[in-house]
Amino acid sequence: MNKLRFLLSLTTDDNDYQIGQTSAAQQAARKLGVELEIVYARNDGIVQSQQLLSSIQSTTAPRPDAIIFEPAGSTAHPQIARAAAAAGIGVVLLNRDANYLAELRRLFPVPAFAITSNHEEIGRIQGQQLSAVLPGGGIVLSIQGPSESSAAKQRYTGLLQTKTDSLQLRVLKAHWTEASAHKAVSSWLRLSTSRQARIEAVCAQDDSMAMGARKAFEECRELREQWQKMPFLGCDGMPKTGQEWVRRNLLTATIFIPPNADLAIEMMVKSIATGVPPPERTFTTAKSFPAVEVLAQQSSARARAASSH
């Protein structure tokens, strides 16, 4: 059997979760003897569709046996997935769900499946974390991914389900990077309305955006006392970034979302070898780091220490 060739398309190369995806995929490819090409879409769905199409339709380079992609824009690229399957190329959708998978599986004899996190559940965990760190309520600056991102919308829906009514959200949008969140928060802090809203915590839909927000607050001298006591919450929880930032007290909490590009490669290799299609969708399990109960205990300990002074 010839060496399998897979193309992995990720959204960006400057976000710690996507860097984690790259590393996990490279390890799995080495272990399984797969030739892996990785391309980055620069957070642009059009760039991504061009990258995928040029690989599927290539007449010079050998076509991949499978494309694995995490959609960069609002669409999960149904036409591209169909073109790939029609050309005998397997399709894996990462961190997104799509109705077209059922049709691809029915019409074409190639593996077509999704591996995703339950984004609403991630939002629910963040709502629980916020309620644990701010039991008395308050105003929270919520930094979300771009408007067209279904993951951002689902995480926000989940957050609203579990946060206490006494928590009020002020929402800013950014692009899943530290630089974009730093820019959005810095601009917001320059507005007079931001000073009137006393922010008690910051929650971001990924760790890099939480760190960008933290940096913006650090640069604002008149808020020095305020931000030093403020909880910053993120998501992704990669061991060397998010979890490490929690250990160093740069973030109060994160949510560990396991990379899934490695699992995609393993499942695709197995399916090609055995001819057995994988399940249409596989969910990875996210969890609070540290546990929500630990956050609640830390919060009560802080409250007791403050009242005894």
C-alpha atoms as a PDB file:
ATOM      1  CA  MET A   1       0.000   0.000   0.000  1.00  0.00           C
ATOM      2  CA  ASN A   2       1.354   3.430  -0.948  1.00  0.00           C
ATOM      3  CA  LYS A   3       2.046   5.954   1.772  1.00  0.00           C
ATOM      4  CA  LEU A   4      -1.132   7.883   2.587  1.00  0.00           C
ATOM      5  CA  ARG A   5      -1.113  11.640   1.942  1.00  0.00           C
ATOM      6  CA  PHE A   6      -3.347  13.930   4.016  1.00  0.00           C
ATOM      7  CA  LEU A   7      -3.897  17.696   3.782  1.00  0.00           C
ATOM      8  CA  LEU A   8      -4.692  19.483   7.054  1.00  0.00           C
ATOM      9  CA  SER A   9      -6.094  23.021   6.816  1.00  0.00           C
ATOM     10  CA  LEU A  10      -6.115  25.016  10.070  1.00  0.00           C
ATOM     11  CA  THR A  11      -7.481  28.508  10.682  1.00  0.00           C
ATOM     12  CA  THR A  12      -4.276  30.296  11.750  1.00  0.00           C
ATOM     13  CA  ASP A  13      -0.741  29.675  12.991  1.00  0.00           C
ATOM     14  CA  ASP A  14      -0.749  32.275  15.806  1.00  0.00           C
ATOM     15  CA  ASN A  15      -3.304  30.810  18.212  1.00  0.00           C
ATOM     16  CA  ASP A  16      -2.181  28.358  20.886  1.00  0.00           C
ATOM     17  CA  TYR A  17      -4.983  25.850  20.188  1.00  0.00           C
ATOM     18  CA  GLN A  18      -4.128  25.780  16.468  1.00  0.00           C
ATOM     19  CA  ILE A  19      -0.441  25.375  17.364  1.00  0.00           C
ATOM     20  CA  GLY A  20      -1.527  22.455  19.594  1.00  0.00           C
ATOM     21  CA  GLN A  21      -3.502  21.024  16.646  1.00  0.00           C
ATOM     22  CA  THR A  22      -0.393  21.265  14.427  1.00  0.00           C
ATOM     23  CA  SER A  23       1.815  19.496  16.943  1.00  0.00           C
ATOM     24  CA  ALA A  24      -0.751  16.718  17.659  1.00  0.00           C
ATOM     25  CA  ALA A  25      -1.276  16.116  13.924  1.00  0.00           C
ATOM     26  CA  GLN A  26       2.457  15.957  13.169  1.00  0.00           C
ATOM     27  CA  GLN A  27       2.993  13.397  15.959  1.00  0.00           C
ATOM     28  CA  ALA A  28       0.101  11.211  14.744  1.00  0.00           C
ATOM     29  CA  ALA A  29       1.301  11.407  11.122  1.00  0.00           C
ATOM     30  CA  ARG A  30       4.845  10.369  12.108  1.00  0.00           C
ATOM     31  CA  LYS A  31       3.548   7.490  14.205  1.00  0.00           C
ATOM     32  CA  LEU A  32       1.266   6.199  11.441  1.00  0.00           C
ATOM     33  CA  GLY A  33       3.609   6.852   8.499  1.00  0.00           C
ATOM     34  CA  VAL A  34       1.299   9.401   6.862  1.00  0.00           C
ATOM     35  CA  GLU A  35       2.661  12.150   4.621  1.00  0.00           C
ATOM     36  CA  LEU A  36       1.055  15.282   6.046  1.00  0.00           C
ATOM     37  CA  GLU A  37       0.846  18.735   4.493  1.00  0.00           C
ATOM     38  CA  ILE A  38      -0.432  21.544   6.755  1.00  0.00           C
ATOM     39  CA  VAL A  39      -1.750  24.865   5.424  1.00  0.00           C
ATOM     40  CA  TYR A  40      -3.115  27.866   7.370  1.00  0.00           C
ATOM     41  CA  ALA A  41      -6.087  29.950   6.245  1.00  0.00           C
ATOM     42  CA  ARG A  42      -5.145  33.236   7.995  1.00  0.00           C
ATOM     43  CA  ASN A  43      -8.664  33.249   9.542  1.00  0.00           C
ATOM     44  CA  ASP A  44     -10.123  33.703   6.056  1.00  0.00           C
ATOM     45  CA  GLY A  45     -12.719  31.293   4.667  1.00  0.00           C
ATOM     46  CA  ILE A  46     -12.008  32.331   1.041  1.00  0.00           C
ATOM     47  CA  VAL A  47      -8.260  31.686   1.431  1.00  0.00           C
ATOM     48  CA  GLN A  48      -9.094  28.309   2.962  1.00  0.00           C
ATOM     49  CA  SER A  49     -11.476  27.305   0.158  1.00  0.00           C
ATOM     50  CA  GLN A  50      -8.797  28.203  -2.437  1.00  0.00           C
ATOM     51  CA  GLN A  51      -6.154  26.167  -0.581  1.00  0.00           C
ATOM     52  CA  LEU A  52      -8.410  23.112  -0.380  1.00  0.00           C
ATOM     53  CA  LEU A  53      -9.673  23.370  -3.972  1.00  0.00           C
ATOM     54  CA  SER A  54      -6.193  23.724  -5.456  1.00  0.00           C
ATOM     55  CA  SER A  55      -5.155  20.530  -3.661  1.00  0.00           C
ATOM     56  CA  ILE A  56      -8.312  18.595  -4.685  1.00  0.00           C
ATOM     57  CA  GLN A  57      -8.079  19.711  -8.335  1.00  0.00           C
ATOM     58  CA  SER A  58      -4.285  19.580  -8.680  1.00  0.00           C
ATOM     59  CA  THR A  59      -3.026  18.100 -11.939  1.00  0.00           C
ATOM     60  CA  THR A  60       0.674  18.441 -11.033  1.00  0.00           C
ATOM     61  CA  ALA A  61       1.066  17.270  -7.412  1.00  0.00           C
ATOM     62  CA  PRO A  62      -0.473  13.969  -6.297  1.00  0.00           C
ATOM     63  CA  ARG A  63      -3.914  14.516  -4.739  1.00  0.00           C
ATOM     64  CA  PRO A  64      -4.331  13.847  -1.028  1.00  0.00           C
ATOM     65  CA  ASP A  65      -6.130  10.705   0.181  1.00  0.00           C
ATOM     66  CA  ALA A  66      -8.007  12.876   2.679  1.00  0.00           C
ATOM     67  CA  ILE A  67      -8.588  16.525   3.553  1.00  0.00           C
ATOM     68  CA  ILE A  68      -8.974  17.462   7.221  1.00  0.00           C
ATOM     69  CA  PHE A  69     -10.061  21.025   7.905  1.00  0.00           C
ATOM     70  CA  GLU A  70     -11.207  23.343  10.665  1.00  0.00           C
ATOM     71  CA  PRO A  71     -13.433  25.930   8.923  1.00  0.00           C
ATOM     72  CA  ALA A  72     -12.021  29.465   9.099  1.00  0.00           C
ATOM     73  CA  GLY A  73     -15.198  31.340   8.135  1.00  0.00           C
ATOM     74  CA  SER A  74     -18.959  31.078   8.513  1.00  0.00           C
ATOM     75  CA  THR A  75     -19.285  28.183   6.083  1.00  0.00           C
ATOM     76  CA  ALA A  76     -18.189  24.570   6.523  1.00  0.00           C
ATOM     77  CA  HIS A  77     -17.348  24.483   2.766  1.00  0.00           C
ATOM     78  CA  PRO A  78     -20.082  22.071   1.560  1.00  0.00           C
ATOM     79  CA  GLN A  79     -19.133  22.375  -2.151  1.00  0.00           C
ATOM     80  CA  ILE A  80     -15.472  21.648  -1.421  1.00  0.00           C
ATOM     81  CA  ALA A  81     -16.312  18.652   0.772  1.00  0.00           C
ATOM     82  CA  ARG A  82     -18.516  17.305  -2.020  1.00  0.00           C
ATOM     83  CA  ALA A  83     -15.837  17.913  -4.683  1.00  0.00           C
ATOM     84  CA  ALA A  84     -13.320  16.051  -2.507  1.00  0.00           C
ATOM     85  CA  ALA A  85     -15.628  13.073  -1.876  1.00  0.00           C
ATOM     86  CA  ALA A  86     -16.534  12.907  -5.602  1.00  0.00           C
ATOM     87  CA  ALA A  87     -12.796  12.769  -6.380  1.00  0.00           C
ATOM     88  CA  GLY A  88     -12.365   9.818  -3.993  1.00  0.00           C
ATOM     89  CA  ILE A  89     -10.817  11.944  -1.213  1.00  0.00           C
ATOM     90  CA  GLY A  90     -11.866  11.389   2.429  1.00  0.00           C
ATOM     91  CA  VAL A  91     -13.263  14.380   4.363  1.00  0.00           C
ATOM     92  CA  VAL A  92     -12.907  15.262   8.059  1.00  0.00           C
ATOM     93  CA  LEU A  93     -14.484  18.370   9.543  1.00  0.00           C
ATOM     94  CA  LEU A  94     -12.909  19.616  12.785  1.00  0.00           C
ATOM     95  CA  ASN A  95     -14.667  21.634  15.513  1.00  0.00           C
ATOM     96  CA  ARG A  96     -17.787  22.196  13.434  1.00  0.00           C
ATOM     97  CA  ASP A  97     -20.848  20.161  12.541  1.00  0.00           C
ATOM     98  CA  ALA A  98     -22.520  20.070   9.123  1.00  0.00           C
ATOM     99  CA  ASN A  99     -25.658  18.484   7.700  1.00  0.00           C
ATOM    100  CA  TYR A 100     -23.922  17.628   4.426  1.00  0.00           C
ATOM    101  CA  LEU A 101     -21.919  14.791   6.040  1.00  0.00           C
ATOM    102  CA  ALA A 102     -24.924  12.421   5.964  1.00  0.00           C
ATOM    103  CA  GLU A 103     -25.340  13.014   2.217  1.00  0.00           C
ATOM    104  CA  LEU A 104     -21.617  12.505   1.492  1.00  0.00           C
ATOM    105  CA  ARG A 105     -21.666   9.225   3.427  1.00  0.00           C
ATOM    106  CA  ARG A 106     -24.704   8.068   1.448  1.00  0.00           C
ATOM    107  CA  LEU A 107     -23.425   9.055  -2.008  1.00  0.00           C
ATOM    108  CA  PHE A 108     -19.679   8.381  -1.927  1.00  0.00           C
ATOM    109  CA  PRO A 109     -17.605   5.388  -0.763  1.00  0.00           C
ATOM    110  CA  VAL A 110     -15.038   7.522   1.125  1.00  0.00           C
ATOM    111  CA  PRO A 111     -14.825   8.217   4.884  1.00  0.00           C
ATOM    112  CA  ALA A 112     -16.632  11.499   5.743  1.00  0.00           C
ATOM    113  CA  PHE A 113     -17.036  12.515   9.381  1.00  0.00           C
ATOM    114  CA  ALA A 114     -16.728  15.290  11.966  1.00  0.00           C
ATOM    115  CA  ILE A 115     -14.782  15.494  15.221  1.00  0.00           C
ATOM    116  CA  THR A 116     -15.837  18.413  17.342  1.00  0.00           C
ATOM    117  CA  SER A 117     -15.967  19.824  20.809  1.00  0.00           C
ATOM    118  CA  ASN A 118     -19.423  20.486  22.202  1.00  0.00           C
ATOM    119  CA  HIS A 119     -19.144  24.281  22.012  1.00  0.00           C
ATOM    120  CA  GLU A 120     -22.349  24.930  23.970  1.00  0.00           C
ATOM    121  CA  GLU A 121     -20.970  22.734  26.760  1.00  0.00           C
ATOM    122  CA  ILE A 122     -17.722  24.768  26.717  1.00  0.00           C
ATOM    123  CA  GLY A 123     -19.832  27.919  27.152  1.00  0.00           C
ATOM    124  CA  ARG A 124     -21.783  26.273  29.989  1.00  0.00           C
ATOM    125  CA  ILE A 125     -18.517  25.422  31.770  1.00  0.00           C
ATOM    126  CA  GLN A 126     -17.361  29.029  31.405  1.00  0.00           C
ATOM    127  CA  GLY A 127     -20.677  30.247  32.830  1.00  0.00           C
ATOM    128  CA  GLN A 128     -20.160  27.955  35.839  1.00  0.00           C
ATOM    129  CA  GLN A 129     -16.589  29.215  36.261  1.00  0.00           C
ATOM    130  CA  LEU A 130     -17.754  32.850  36.195  1.00  0.00           C
ATOM    131  CA  SER A 131     -20.489  32.152  38.732  1.00  0.00           C
ATOM    132  CA  ALA A 132     -17.886  30.467  40.980  1.00  0.00           C
ATOM    133  CA  VAL A 133     -15.341  33.316  40.829  1.00  0.00           C
ATOM    134  CA  LEU A 134     -17.969  36.086  41.135  1.00  0.00           C
ATOM    135  CA  PRO A 135     -20.646  34.632  43.450  1.00  0.00           C
ATOM    136  CA  GLY A 136     -21.887  38.152  44.221  1.00  0.00           C
ATOM    137  CA  GLY A 137     -22.291  39.027  40.540  1.00  0.00           C
ATOM    138  CA  GLY A 138     -20.921  42.069  38.711  1.00  0.00           C
ATOM    139  CA  ILE A 139     -20.030  43.284  35.229  1.00  0.00           C
ATOM    140  CA  VAL A 140     -17.970  40.934  33.059  1.00  0.00           C
ATOM    141  CA  LEU A 141     -16.113  41.819  29.873  1.00  0.00           C
ATOM    142  CA  SER A 142     -16.831  38.935  27.476  1.00  0.00           C
ATOM    143  CA  ILE A 143     -14.422  38.613  24.524  1.00  0.00           C
ATOM    144  CA  GLN A 144     -15.839  36.479  21.775  1.00  0.00           C
ATOM    145  CA  GLY A 145     -14.642  35.102  18.465  1.00  0.00           C
ATOM    146  CA  PRO A 146     -15.825  36.676  15.185  1.00  0.00           C
ATOM    147  CA  SER A 147     -19.567  37.104  14.516  1.00  0.00           C
ATOM    148  CA  GLU A 148     -19.595  34.547  11.671  1.00  0.00           C
ATOM    149  CA  SER A 149     -18.047  31.794  13.828  1.00  0.00           C
ATOM    150  CA  SER A 150     -20.553  29.109  14.836  1.00  0.00           C
ATOM    151  CA  ALA A 151     -18.233  28.031  17.700  1.00  0.00           C
ATOM    152  CA  ALA A 152     -18.319  31.602  19.081  1.00  0.00           C
ATOM    153  CA  LYS A 153     -22.134  31.728  18.867  1.00  0.00           C
ATOM    154  CA  GLN A 154     -22.564  28.305  20.508  1.00  0.00           C
ATOM    155  CA  ARG A 155     -20.122  29.119  23.330  1.00  0.00           C
ATOM    156  CA  TYR A 156     -22.027  32.346  24.037  1.00  0.00           C
ATOM    157  CA  THR A 157     -25.361  30.458  24.076  1.00  0.00           C
ATOM    158  CA  GLY A 158     -23.930  27.977  26.605  1.00  0.00           C
ATOM    159  CA  LEU A 159     -22.510  30.780  28.759  1.00  0.00           C
ATOM    160  CA  LEU A 160     -25.938  32.440  28.996  1.00  0.00           C
ATOM    161  CA  GLN A 161     -27.475  29.132  30.135  1.00  0.00           C
ATOM    162  CA  THR A 162     -25.329  28.761  33.266  1.00  0.00           C
ATOM    163  CA  LYS A 163     -24.131  32.188  34.370  1.00  0.00           C
ATOM    164  CA  THR A 164     -26.031  33.658  37.324  1.00  0.00           C
ATOM    165  CA  ASP A 165     -28.521  36.474  36.612  1.00  0.00           C
ATOM    166  CA  SER A 166     -26.421  38.847  38.722  1.00  0.00           C
ATOM    167  CA  LEU A 167     -23.598  38.726  36.120  1.00  0.00           C
ATOM    168  CA  GLN A 168     -23.928  41.355  33.378  1.00  0.00           C
ATOM    169  CA  LEU A 169     -21.946  40.922  30.163  1.00  0.00           C
ATOM    170  CA  ARG A 170     -20.262  43.595  28.043  1.00  0.00           C
ATOM    171  CA  VAL A 171     -19.370  41.917  24.738  1.00  0.00           C
ATOM    172  CA  LEU A 172     -16.371  42.629  22.472  1.00  0.00           C
ATOM    173  CA  LYS A 173     -15.418  40.689  19.323  1.00  0.00           C
ATOM    174  CA  ALA A 174     -11.926  39.587  18.311  1.00  0.00           C
ATOM    175  CA  HIS A 175     -10.317  37.062  15.939  1.00  0.00           C
ATOM    176  CA  TRP A 176      -9.075  34.201  18.134  1.00  0.00           C
ATOM    177  CA  THR A 177      -5.643  35.835  18.553  1.00  0.00           C
ATOM    178  CA  GLU A 178      -3.879  37.701  21.351  1.00  0.00           C
ATOM    179  CA  ALA A 179      -3.171  40.699  19.083  1.00  0.00           C
ATOM    180  CA  SER A 180      -6.813  41.088  17.980  1.00  0.00           C
ATOM    181  CA  ALA A 181      -8.117  40.942  21.583  1.00  0.00           C
ATOM    182  CA  HIS A 182      -5.423  43.356  22.781  1.00  0.00           C
ATOM    183  CA  LYS A 183      -6.487  45.827  20.068  1.00  0.00           C
ATOM    184  CA  ALA A 184     -10.244  45.453  20.807  1.00  0.00           C
ATOM    185  CA  VAL A 185      -9.839  45.858  24.588  1.00  0.00           C
ATOM    186  CA  SER A 186      -7.347  48.742  24.289  1.00  0.00           C
ATOM    187  CA  SER A 187      -9.817  50.636  22.059  1.00  0.00           C
ATOM    188  CA  TRP A 188     -12.685  49.892  24.459  1.00  0.00           C
ATOM    189  CA  LEU A 189     -10.663  51.089  27.491  1.00  0.00           C
ATOM    190  CA  ARG A 190     -10.168  54.456  25.788  1.00  0.00           C
ATOM    191  CA  LEU A 191     -13.949  55.046  25.762  1.00  0.00           C
ATOM    192  CA  SER A 192     -15.399  57.032  28.669  1.00  0.00           C
ATOM    193  CA  THR A 193     -18.229  54.466  28.989  1.00  0.00           C
ATOM    194  CA  SER A 194     -15.692  51.742  29.809  1.00  0.00           C
ATOM    195  CA  ARG A 195     -14.625  53.681  32.926  1.00  0.00           C
ATOM    196  CA  GLN A 196     -18.219  53.945  34.157  1.00  0.00           C
ATOM    197  CA  ALA A 197     -18.673  50.165  33.932  1.00  0.00           C
ATOM    198  CA  ARG A 198     -16.639  48.691  36.757  1.00  0.00           C
ATOM    199  CA  ILE A 199     -15.416  45.431  35.274  1.00  0.00           C
ATOM    200  CA  GLU A 200     -15.136  42.624  37.837  1.00  0.00           C
ATOM    201  CA  ALA A 201     -13.836  39.879  35.510  1.00  0.00           C
ATOM    202  CA  VAL A 202     -12.832  39.135  31.920  1.00  0.00           C
ATOM    203  CA  CYS A 203     -13.863  35.944  30.151  1.00  0.00           C
ATOM    204  CA  ALA A 204     -12.600  35.161  26.667  1.00  0.00           C
ATOM    205  CA  GLN A 205     -13.524  32.372  24.289  1.00  0.00           C
ATOM    206  CA  ASP A 206      -9.889  31.329  24.031  1.00  0.00           C
ATOM    207  CA  ASP A 207      -6.727  31.709  26.133  1.00  0.00           C
ATOM    208  CA  SER A 208      -4.803  33.827  23.634  1.00  0.00           C
ATOM    209  CA  MET A 209      -7.627  36.398  23.613  1.00  0.00           C
ATOM    210  CA  ALA A 210      -7.723  36.349  27.447  1.00  0.00           C
ATOM    211  CA  MET A 211      -3.991  37.122  27.487  1.00  0.00           C
ATOM    212  CA  GLY A 212      -4.442  39.909  24.931  1.00  0.00           C
ATOM    213  CA  ALA A 213      -7.142  41.430  27.152  1.00  0.00           C
ATOM    214  CA  ARG A 214      -4.916  41.116  30.216  1.00  0.00           C
ATOM    215  CA  LYS A 215      -2.107  42.912  28.399  1.00  0.00           C
ATOM    216  CA  ALA A 216      -4.478  45.777  27.471  1.00  0.00           C
ATOM    217  CA  PHE A 217      -5.537  46.177  31.129  1.00  0.00           C
ATOM    218  CA  GLU A 218      -1.894  46.041  32.289  1.00  0.00           C
ATOM    219  CA  GLU A 219      -1.063  48.949  29.979  1.00  0.00           C
ATOM    220  CA  CYS A 220      -3.862  51.061  31.462  1.00  0.00           C
ATOM    221  CA  ARG A 221      -2.117  52.649  34.467  1.00  0.00           C
ATOM    222  CA  GLU A 222      -5.189  54.104  36.168  1.00  0.00           C
ATOM    223  CA  LEU A 223      -6.797  50.649  36.353  1.00  0.00           C
ATOM    224  CA  ARG A 224      -3.720  49.048  37.950  1.00  0.00           C
ATOM    225  CA  GLU A 225      -5.350  48.203  41.288  1.00  0.00           C
ATOM    226  CA  GLN A 226      -8.485  46.931  39.626  1.00  0.00           C
ATOM    227  CA  TRP A 227      -6.954  44.509  37.094  1.00  0.00           C
ATOM    228  CA  GLN A 228      -4.529  42.970  39.605  1.00  0.00           C
ATOM    229  CA  LYS A 229      -7.491  41.559  41.547  1.00  0.00           C
ATOM    230  CA  MET A 230      -9.552  40.706  38.474  1.00  0.00           C
ATOM    231  CA  PRO A 231     -10.149  37.109  37.333  1.00  0.00           C
ATOM    232  CA  PHE A 232      -9.242  36.403  33.686  1.00  0.00           C
ATOM    233  CA  LEU A 233     -10.829  33.274  32.187  1.00  0.00           C
ATOM    234  CA  GLY A 234      -9.967  31.607  28.874  1.00  0.00           C
ATOM    235  CA  CYS A 235     -10.590  28.428  26.872  1.00  0.00           C
ATOM    236  CA  ASP A 236      -8.400  25.815  25.111  1.00  0.00           C
ATOM    237  CA  GLY A 237      -6.220  24.934  28.111  1.00  0.00           C
ATOM    238  CA  MET A 238      -3.194  23.668  26.188  1.00  0.00           C
ATOM    239  CA  PRO A 239      -0.664  22.251  28.703  1.00  0.00           C
ATOM    240  CA  LYS A 240       2.193  24.639  27.803  1.00  0.00           C
ATOM    241  CA  THR A 241       0.055  27.772  27.415  1.00  0.00           C
ATOM    242  CA  GLY A 242      -3.405  27.991  29.034  1.00  0.00           C
ATOM    243  CA  GLN A 243      -2.729  25.543  31.870  1.00  0.00           C
ATOM    244  CA  GLU A 244       0.717  27.040  32.455  1.00  0.00           C
ATOM    245  CA  TRP A 245      -0.793  30.563  32.566  1.00  0.00           C
ATOM    246  CA  VAL A 246      -3.219  29.363  35.251  1.00  0.00           C
ATOM    247  CA  ARG A 247      -0.321  27.910  37.288  1.00  0.00           C
ATOM    248  CA  ARG A 248       1.500  31.256  36.993  1.00  0.00           C
ATOM    249  CA  ASN A 249      -1.673  33.164  38.046  1.00  0.00           C
ATOM    250  CA  LEU A 250      -1.847  35.015  34.730  1.00  0.00           C
ATOM    251  CA  LEU A 251      -5.246  33.385  34.140  1.00  0.00           C
ATOM    252  CA  THR A 252      -7.661  32.337  36.892  1.00  0.00           C
ATOM    253  CA  ALA A 253      -9.096  29.431  34.907  1.00  0.00           C
ATOM    254  CA  THR A 254      -9.257  27.868  31.469  1.00  0.00           C
ATOM    255  CA  ILE A 255     -11.180  25.032  29.833  1.00  0.00           C
ATOM    256  CA  PHE A 256      -9.149  22.146  28.459  1.00  0.00           C
ATOM    257  CA  ILE A 257     -10.353  21.359  24.929  1.00  0.00           C
ATOM    258  CA  PRO A 258      -8.358  18.398  23.591  1.00  0.00           C
ATOM    259  CA  PRO A 259      -6.788  18.878  20.134  1.00  0.00           C
ATOM    260  CA  ASN A 260      -8.534  16.552  17.683  1.00  0.00           C
ATOM    261  CA  ALA A 261      -6.427  16.714  14.495  1.00  0.00           C
ATOM    262  CA  ASP A 262      -4.468  13.661  15.713  1.00  0.00           C
ATOM    263  CA  LEU A 263      -7.670  11.700  16.331  1.00  0.00           C
ATOM    264  CA  ALA A 264      -8.873  12.681  12.826  1.00  0.00           C
ATOM    265  CA  ILE A 265      -5.705  11.239  11.275  1.00  0.00           C
ATOM    266  CA  GLU A 266      -5.933   8.019  13.336  1.00  0.00           C
ATOM    267  CA  MET A 267      -9.624   7.484  12.470  1.00  0.00           C
ATOM    268  CA  MET A 268      -9.073   8.219   8.768  1.00  0.00           C
ATOM    269  CA  VAL A 269      -6.104   5.804   8.527  1.00  0.00           C
ATOM    270  CA  LYS A 270      -8.089   3.065  10.271  1.00  0.00           C
ATOM    271  CA  SER A 271     -11.131   3.590   8.054  1.00  0.00           C
ATOM    272  CA  ILE A 272      -9.078   3.473   4.830  1.00  0.00           C
ATOM    273  CA  ALA A 273      -7.308   0.314   6.050  1.00  0.00           C
ATOM    274  CA  THR A 274     -10.455  -1.550   7.174  1.00  0.00           C
ATOM    275  CA  GLY A 275     -13.110  -0.121   4.858  1.00  0.00           C
ATOM    276  CA  VAL A 276     -15.301   0.530   7.916  1.00  0.00           C
ATOM    277  CA  PRO A 277     -16.684   4.107   8.060  1.00  0.00           C
ATOM    278  CA  PRO A 278     -16.154   5.916  11.374  1.00  0.00           C
ATOM    279  CA  PRO A 279     -19.164   7.378  13.248  1.00  0.00           C
ATOM    280  CA  GLU A 280     -20.594  10.469  11.506  1.00  0.00           C
ATOM    281  CA  ARG A 281     -19.601  12.632  14.479  1.00  0.00           C
ATOM    282  CA  THR A 282     -17.324  12.170  17.458  1.00  0.00           C
ATOM    283  CA  PHE A 283     -17.366  14.596  20.397  1.00  0.00           C
ATOM    284  CA  THR A 284     -14.295  15.322  22.500  1.00  0.00           C
ATOM    285  CA  THR A 285     -14.792  16.146  26.193  1.00  0.00           C
ATOM    286  CA  ALA A 286     -13.896  19.580  27.553  1.00  0.00           C
ATOM    287  CA  LYS A 287     -13.223  20.175  31.247  1.00  0.00           C
ATOM    288  CA  SER A 288     -12.640  23.077  33.613  1.00  0.00           C
ATOM    289  CA  PHE A 289      -9.050  23.712  34.730  1.00  0.00           C
ATOM    290  CA  PRO A 290      -9.013  23.938  37.688  1.00  0.00           C
ATOM    291  CA  ALA A 291     -12.327  22.257  38.571  1.00  0.00           C
ATOM    292  CA  VAL A 292     -15.298  24.587  39.165  1.00  0.00           C
ATOM    293  CA  GLU A 293     -15.484  23.393  42.825  1.00  0.00           C
ATOM    294  CA  VAL A 294     -11.854  24.468  43.349  1.00  0.00           C
ATOM    295  CA  LEU A 295     -12.609  27.913  41.880  1.00  0.00           C
ATOM    296  CA  ALA A 296     -15.583  28.274  44.267  1.00  0.00           C
ATOM    297  CA  GLN A 297     -13.388  27.311  47.255  1.00  0.00           C
ATOM    298  CA  GLN A 298     -10.690  29.809  46.203  1.00  0.00           C
ATOM    299  CA  SER A 299     -13.330  32.510  45.862  1.00  0.00           C
ATOM    300  CA  SER A 300     -14.755  31.894  49.371  1.00  0.00           C
ATOM    301  CA  ALA A 301     -11.228  31.837  50.831  1.00  0.00           C
ATOM    302  CA  ARG A 302     -10.533  35.249  49.240  1.00  0.00           C
ATOM    303  CA  ALA A 303     -13.820  36.625  50.565  1.00  0.00           C
ATOM    304  CA  ARG A 304     -13.012  35.385  54.112  1.00  0.00           C
ATOM    305  CA  ALA A 305      -9.505  36.909  53.956  1.00  0.00           C
ATOM    306  CA  ALA A 306     -10.911  40.241  52.768  1.00  0.00           C
ATOM    307  CA  SER A 307     -13.557  40.386  55.530  1.00  0.00           C
ATOM    308  CA  SER A 308     -11.021  39.589  58.260  1.00  0.00           C
ATOM    309  CA  HIS A 309      -8.874  42.635  57.331  1.00  0.00           C
END
